[in-house]
Protein backbone atom coordinates (compact mmCIF):
# COMPACT_ATOMS: atom_id res chain seq x y z
CA MET A 1 22.83 -18.44 1.62
CA THR A 2 19.19 -17.41 1.89
CA GLU A 3 16.48 -19.23 -0.02
CA ILE A 4 14.14 -17.14 -2.14
CA ASN A 5 10.47 -18.05 -2.04
CA VAL A 6 9.50 -18.07 -5.73
CA THR A 7 5.80 -17.74 -4.89
CA MET A 8 6.42 -14.52 -2.96
CA MET A 9 8.82 -13.32 -5.62
CA CYS A 10 6.00 -13.32 -8.19
CA LEU A 11 3.47 -11.42 -6.07
CA PRO A 12 2.93 -7.67 -6.55
CA ASP A 13 3.99 -5.35 -3.75
CA PHE A 14 0.33 -4.63 -3.02
CA TYR A 15 -0.28 -8.21 -1.86
CA LEU A 16 2.98 -8.42 0.05
CA ARG A 17 2.07 -5.31 2.06
CA MET A 18 -1.33 -6.85 2.86
CA MET A 19 0.31 -10.07 4.11
CA LYS A 20 3.27 -8.59 6.00
CA ASP A 21 1.37 -8.16 9.29
CA GLN A 22 0.34 -11.81 9.48
CA GLN A 23 1.97 -13.65 12.37
CA ASP A 24 2.63 -16.88 10.47
CA ALA A 25 5.09 -18.32 7.98
CA GLU A 26 3.41 -16.51 5.08
CA GLY A 27 3.74 -13.15 6.82
CA ARG A 28 7.38 -13.84 7.59
CA GLU A 29 8.06 -14.72 3.95
CA ALA A 30 6.26 -11.55 2.80
CA ARG A 31 8.45 -9.42 5.09
CA LYS A 32 11.59 -11.14 3.80
CA GLU A 33 10.54 -10.52 0.19
CA ILE A 34 9.82 -6.84 0.91
CA ARG A 35 13.31 -6.47 2.41
CA ARG A 36 14.88 -8.27 -0.55
CA ARG A 37 13.09 -5.98 -3.02
CA LYS A 38 14.24 -2.88 -1.15
CA MET A 39 17.84 -4.08 -1.32
CA VAL A 40 17.73 -4.64 -5.08
CA GLY A 41 15.38 -1.76 -5.94
CA PHE A 42 12.70 -4.01 -7.43
CA TYR A 43 8.98 -3.22 -7.60
CA ILE A 44 5.96 -5.02 -9.09
CA GLU A 45 2.87 -2.91 -9.73
CA CYS A 46 -0.67 -4.24 -10.22
CA GLN A 47 -4.11 -2.90 -11.12
CA GLU A 48 -5.42 -3.30 -7.55
CA GLU A 49 -2.62 -1.08 -6.29
CA LYS A 50 -3.49 1.64 -8.81
CA ALA A 51 -7.17 1.41 -7.83
CA GLU A 52 -6.27 1.69 -4.13
CA PHE A 53 -4.08 4.74 -4.80
CA ILE A 54 -6.87 6.44 -6.78
CA ALA A 55 -9.38 5.69 -4.01
CA GLU A 56 -7.02 7.21 -1.41
CA GLN A 57 -6.56 10.34 -3.53
CA GLU A 58 -10.32 10.71 -3.99
CA GLU A 59 -10.88 10.30 -0.23
CA LEU A 60 -8.27 12.99 0.52
CA ALA A 61 -9.89 15.33 -2.00
CA ARG A 62 -13.31 14.70 -0.46
CA LYS A 63 -12.01 15.42 3.06
CA LYS A 64 -10.30 18.60 1.87
CA ALA A 65 -13.48 19.81 0.16
CA LEU A 66 -15.50 19.05 3.30
CA GLN A 67 -12.98 20.93 5.44
CA GLU A 68 -13.05 23.95 3.11
CA GLU A 69 -16.86 23.89 3.13
CA THR A 70 -16.85 23.90 6.93
CA VAL A 71 -14.43 26.86 7.00
CA ASP A 72 -16.59 28.77 4.49
CA GLU A 73 -19.69 28.19 6.61
CA LYS A 74 -17.92 29.50 9.71
CA GLU A 75 -16.82 32.64 7.84
CA ILE A 76 -20.39 33.32 6.68
CA ASN A 77 -21.80 33.04 10.21
């Protein structure tokens, strides 16, 4: 039977995804916890994750606006 790391079990998904690429015991435990959560359909959300999502959406909107502005300038010339 597999042991469950209680510390990792309490962390939000946001932190686990940040730690999963580490090449040490903590990274390995984070990857195991991510796999376990996928199997049981479990998800922990946090404020940092929401803030990161909003920042990504704003960045995409800014890039899209910049791209449209560039296209408009080309059409005018």
